[in-house]
């Protein structure tokens, strides 16, 4: 089994899974969702590495998995901070330039923000958010109730060194009244890289309006993949999602 390692950056140590591949191709870098870690991709990094032959990197953001706690409290601007500060520093530490970014949910939003300011080879955005929908908040409130009941906390404790930090760093920001007006649609205006948009048709955390908003504004080639199911299309339809990302990388 592959093993993760801790990579030192200025804010602390970041849990990283780094799978080798062809050095002539752009590395694939995965950015997880709000409660994710390296391992909660459930084998997607390994599948992408095998399908593309590319170096493939996944990492746990600060406060997630075995990474160190966030260097400062999370605020409604945390995704901008991840995209503009934390991600560039980690890429530099790993010697990665112009990656193919694969982001899921919050990770997809971070990937889009990063691509608006930095050169990337391509983007694969799985269940991205660019504005706040009531469906999203309803799903997060349900997760908050499940966490308070103890069941969700017990499951997260199997994957996070500090499950409370991971959960509240996600839930509390999204449910902060100051976050209600969060909107990053304009970031897509600056993105020229080829982009794959993927969404489950029954996603309880967002609607297809998210993809519509992004697709209208992207300046590069866009491929759209709508699949049956919920918020994790890469887990529900791994073959289709891996094939689509591999085609994006090859193009």
Protein backbone atom coordinates (compact mmCIF):
# COMPACT_ATOMS: atom_id res chain seq x y z
CA UNK A 1 0.00 0.00 0.00
CA UNK A 2 1.21 3.51 -0.75
CA UNK A 3 2.15 5.66 2.23
CA UNK A 4 1.74 9.35 2.86
CA UNK A 5 4.47 11.63 4.17
CA UNK A 6 4.56 15.02 5.88
CA UNK A 7 5.84 17.92 3.77
CA UNK A 8 7.00 21.02 5.64
CA UNK A 9 5.74 24.43 4.53
CA UNK A 10 5.67 27.72 6.42
CA UNK A 11 2.34 27.02 8.14
CA UNK A 12 3.29 23.53 9.33
CA UNK A 13 3.42 19.99 7.98
CA UNK A 14 1.06 18.78 5.24
CA UNK A 15 0.13 15.12 4.81
CA UNK A 16 0.93 14.25 1.20
CA UNK A 17 0.58 11.21 -1.02
CA UNK A 18 3.00 11.50 -3.95
CA UNK A 19 2.77 8.82 -6.63
CA UNK A 20 5.53 8.84 -9.26
CA UNK A 21 4.89 9.11 -12.97
CA UNK A 22 6.20 10.32 -16.32
CA UNK A 23 8.15 13.53 -15.62
CA UNK A 24 7.34 14.90 -19.09
CA UNK A 25 3.61 15.13 -18.36
CA UNK A 26 1.95 17.71 -16.11
CA UNK A 27 1.45 16.26 -12.61
CA UNK A 28 -2.08 15.71 -11.36
CA UNK A 29 -2.85 17.35 -8.00
CA UNK A 30 -6.02 16.50 -6.06
CA UNK A 31 -7.79 18.90 -3.69
CA UNK A 32 -10.27 17.24 -1.35
CA UNK A 33 -13.72 18.29 -0.16
CA UNK A 34 -14.67 19.97 3.10
CA UNK A 35 -14.26 16.91 5.33
CA UNK A 36 -11.77 15.02 3.17
CA UNK A 37 -8.23 13.74 3.50
CA UNK A 38 -5.66 12.03 1.30
CA UNK A 39 -7.25 8.65 2.02
CA UNK A 40 -10.89 9.64 1.64
CA UNK A 41 -10.35 9.85 -2.10
CA UNK A 42 -10.76 6.06 -1.79
CA UNK A 43 -8.15 5.09 -4.35
CA UNK A 44 -8.77 7.82 -6.92
CA UNK A 45 -5.12 9.03 -6.88
CA UNK A 46 -3.89 5.51 -7.61
CA UNK A 47 -6.46 5.04 -10.37
CA UNK A 48 -5.54 8.33 -12.02
CA UNK A 49 -1.82 7.55 -11.82
CA UNK A 50 -2.44 4.19 -13.48
CA UNK A 51 -4.75 5.61 -16.16
CA UNK A 52 -2.55 8.56 -17.12
CA UNK A 53 1.00 7.52 -16.25
CA UNK A 54 1.36 10.96 -14.61
CA UNK A 55 2.81 11.87 -11.25
CA UNK A 56 -0.24 12.17 -9.01
CA UNK A 57 -0.31 14.05 -5.70
CA UNK A 58 -3.03 14.26 -3.07
CA UNK A 59 -2.75 16.12 0.21
CA UNK A 60 -4.74 16.84 3.36
CA UNK A 61 -5.29 20.52 4.02
CA UNK A 62 -4.27 21.94 7.39
CA UNK A 63 -6.59 20.61 10.08
CA UNK A 64 -7.41 17.49 8.04
CA UNK A 65 -6.06 13.95 8.21
CA UNK A 66 -2.58 13.93 9.71
CA UNK A 67 -1.73 17.48 8.63
CA UNK A 68 -0.95 20.06 11.29
CA UNK A 69 -3.69 22.39 12.57
CA UNK A 70 -4.48 25.51 10.53
CA UNK A 71 -1.93 28.25 11.24
CA UNK A 72 -4.82 30.66 11.89
CA UNK A 73 -8.57 30.38 12.46
CA UNK A 74 -10.70 29.76 9.39
CA UNK A 75 -12.71 32.70 8.08
CA UNK A 76 -15.11 33.11 5.13
CA UNK A 77 -12.05 33.91 3.00
CA UNK A 78 -10.35 30.57 3.71
CA UNK A 79 -10.75 29.23 0.17
CA UNK A 80 -9.03 32.30 -1.25
CA UNK A 81 -6.23 31.79 1.29
CA UNK A 82 -5.89 28.12 0.35
CA UNK A 83 -5.79 28.97 -3.37
CA UNK A 84 -3.48 31.96 -3.15
CA UNK A 85 -1.16 31.03 -0.30
CA UNK A 86 -1.21 27.42 0.90
CA UNK A 87 -1.48 25.65 -2.46
CA UNK A 88 1.26 27.65 -4.25
CA UNK A 89 3.63 27.06 -1.36
CA UNK A 90 2.99 23.32 -1.33
CA UNK A 91 3.39 23.08 -5.12
CA UNK A 92 6.69 24.92 -4.86
CA UNK A 93 7.88 22.58 -2.09
CA UNK A 94 7.04 19.61 -4.32
CA UNK A 95 8.63 21.13 -7.41
CA UNK A 96 5.35 21.18 -9.34
CA UNK A 97 4.54 23.71 -12.05
CA UNK A 98 1.41 23.93 -14.26
CA UNK A 99 -0.46 20.99 -12.71
CA UNK A 100 -3.70 19.37 -13.74
CA UNK A 101 -5.87 20.27 -10.75
CA UNK A 102 -8.63 17.87 -9.71
CA UNK A 103 -10.84 19.36 -7.01
CA UNK A 104 -13.93 18.05 -5.24
CA UNK A 105 -16.52 20.39 -3.66
CA UNK A 106 -14.58 22.97 -1.60
CA UNK A 107 -11.44 21.62 -3.24
CA UNK A 108 -12.95 22.35 -6.66
CA UNK A 109 -13.67 25.92 -5.61
CA UNK A 110 -10.08 26.29 -4.40
CA UNK A 111 -8.81 24.86 -7.70
CA UNK A 112 -10.88 27.37 -9.68
CA UNK A 113 -9.61 30.28 -7.59
CA UNK A 114 -6.03 29.09 -8.01
CA UNK A 115 -6.41 28.74 -11.79
CA UNK A 116 -7.72 32.31 -12.01
CA UNK A 117 -4.37 33.59 -10.69
CA UNK A 118 -1.86 30.89 -11.67
CA UNK A 119 -0.97 28.91 -14.79
CA UNK A 120 -2.44 25.40 -14.81
CA UNK A 121 -2.50 22.70 -17.47
CA UNK A 122 -6.16 21.80 -16.96
CA UNK A 123 -8.96 21.69 -14.38
CA UNK A 124 -11.34 18.93 -13.34
CA UNK A 125 -14.00 20.34 -11.02
CA UNK A 126 -16.16 17.74 -9.25
CA UNK A 127 -19.30 19.16 -7.59
CA UNK A 128 -17.84 22.69 -7.40
CA UNK A 129 -19.34 25.63 -5.50
CA UNK A 130 -19.18 29.21 -6.81
CA UNK A 131 -22.05 30.67 -4.80
CA UNK A 132 -24.09 29.68 -1.76
CA UNK A 133 -27.29 27.75 -2.38
CA UNK A 134 -29.95 26.86 0.16
CA UNK A 135 -29.48 23.21 -0.81
CA UNK A 136 -25.87 23.43 0.33
CA UNK A 137 -26.75 24.98 3.67
CA UNK A 138 -29.51 22.43 4.23
CA UNK A 139 -27.04 19.60 3.68
CA UNK A 140 -24.51 21.16 6.03
CA UNK A 141 -27.12 21.66 8.75
CA UNK A 142 -27.99 17.98 8.45
CA UNK A 143 -24.29 17.11 8.81
CA UNK A 144 -24.09 19.37 11.88
CA UNK A 145 -26.96 17.43 13.48
CA UNK A 146 -25.28 14.11 12.64
CA UNK A 147 -22.04 15.37 14.18
CA UNK A 148 -23.80 16.52 17.35
CA UNK A 149 -25.42 13.07 17.68
CA UNK A 150 -21.96 11.52 17.66
CA UNK A 151 -22.24 9.22 14.67
CA UNK A 152 -20.50 11.46 12.17
CA UNK A 153 -17.84 12.44 14.69
CA UNK A 154 -16.96 8.79 15.30
CA UNK A 155 -16.57 8.20 11.56
CA UNK A 156 -14.41 11.29 11.09
CA UNK A 157 -12.22 10.32 14.04
CA UNK A 158 -11.02 7.32 12.01
CA UNK A 159 -9.54 9.65 9.40
CA UNK A 160 -8.60 12.92 11.14
CA UNK A 161 -6.10 13.52 13.90
CA UNK A 162 -8.47 16.22 15.21
CA UNK A 163 -12.01 15.56 13.94
CA UNK A 164 -13.39 18.62 15.73
CA UNK A 165 -10.97 20.93 13.91
CA UNK A 166 -11.79 19.32 10.58
CA UNK A 167 -15.54 19.45 11.06
CA UNK A 168 -15.90 22.91 12.56
CA UNK A 169 -13.37 24.38 10.12
CA UNK A 170 -15.84 23.42 7.40
CA UNK A 171 -19.29 23.60 8.99
CA UNK A 172 -18.90 26.79 11.01
CA UNK A 173 -17.57 28.80 8.07
CA UNK A 174 -20.30 27.69 5.65
CA UNK A 175 -23.03 28.44 8.23
CA UNK A 176 -21.52 31.78 9.25
CA UNK A 177 -24.02 34.52 8.21
CA UNK A 178 -21.07 36.45 6.76
CA UNK A 179 -20.55 33.62 4.26
CA UNK A 180 -24.06 33.85 2.80
CA UNK A 181 -22.96 36.35 0.15
CA UNK A 182 -19.83 34.41 -0.86
CA UNK A 183 -19.55 34.29 -4.64
CA UNK A 184 -16.56 33.39 -6.84
CA UNK A 185 -18.27 33.19 -10.24
CA UNK A 186 -16.01 35.99 -11.53
CA UNK A 187 -12.94 33.77 -11.01
CA UNK A 188 -14.02 31.73 -14.04
CA UNK A 189 -13.61 34.82 -16.23
CA UNK A 190 -9.82 34.53 -15.89
CA UNK A 191 -9.55 30.79 -16.57
CA UNK A 192 -8.43 29.75 -20.05
CA UNK A 193 -7.33 26.18 -19.22
CA UNK A 194 -9.39 23.25 -20.54
CA UNK A 195 -11.93 22.36 -17.87
CA UNK A 196 -13.98 19.28 -17.02
CA UNK A 197 -17.14 19.92 -14.99
CA UNK A 198 -18.68 16.95 -13.17
CA UNK A 199 -21.81 16.85 -11.02
CA UNK A 200 -24.23 14.30 -9.61
CA UNK A 201 -27.78 15.02 -10.68
CA UNK A 202 -29.09 14.41 -7.14
CA UNK A 203 -26.34 16.18 -5.20
CA UNK A 204 -27.77 17.30 -1.84
CA UNK A 205 -24.99 19.90 -1.48
CA UNK A 206 -25.60 21.80 -4.72
CA UNK A 207 -27.46 21.95 -8.00
CA UNK A 208 -26.50 22.00 -11.66
CA UNK A 209 -26.80 25.79 -11.47
CA UNK A 210 -23.22 25.73 -10.14
CA UNK A 211 -21.96 24.16 -13.37
CA UNK A 212 -24.09 26.54 -15.45
CA UNK A 213 -22.55 29.57 -13.74
CA UNK A 214 -19.00 28.32 -14.28
CA UNK A 215 -19.51 27.18 -17.86
CA UNK A 216 -20.95 30.56 -18.90
CA UNK A 217 -17.78 32.35 -17.88
CA UNK A 218 -14.88 30.00 -18.62
CA UNK A 219 -12.72 31.10 -21.55
CA UNK A 220 -11.28 27.71 -22.49
CA UNK A 221 -12.66 24.43 -23.79
CA UNK A 222 -15.31 22.99 -21.44
CA UNK A 223 -16.44 19.38 -21.11
CA UNK A 224 -19.46 18.67 -18.95
CA UNK A 225 -20.31 15.33 -17.34
CA UNK A 226 -23.58 14.92 -15.45
CA UNK A 227 -24.03 11.60 -13.70
CA UNK A 228 -26.75 9.91 -11.65
CA UNK A 229 -26.17 10.13 -7.92
CA UNK A 230 -24.98 12.52 -5.29
CA UNK A 231 -22.11 14.68 -4.12
CA UNK A 232 -19.22 12.27 -4.83
CA UNK A 233 -19.42 11.27 -8.50
CA UNK A 234 -15.83 9.97 -8.40
CA UNK A 235 -16.88 7.40 -5.79
CA UNK A 236 -20.23 6.50 -7.34
CA UNK A 237 -18.95 6.36 -10.94
CA UNK A 238 -15.17 5.94 -10.67
CA UNK A 239 -14.68 4.46 -14.14
CA UNK A 240 -16.49 7.31 -15.90
CA UNK A 241 -14.76 10.02 -13.87
CA UNK A 242 -11.27 8.52 -14.22
CA UNK A 243 -11.78 8.12 -17.96
CA UNK A 244 -12.93 11.73 -18.31
CA UNK A 245 -9.97 13.09 -16.31
CA UNK A 246 -7.53 10.90 -18.25
CA UNK A 247 -8.95 12.25 -21.52
CA UNK A 248 -8.63 15.81 -20.21
CA UNK A 249 -5.00 15.22 -19.25
CA UNK A 250 -4.19 13.59 -22.60
CA UNK A 251 -5.71 16.48 -24.54
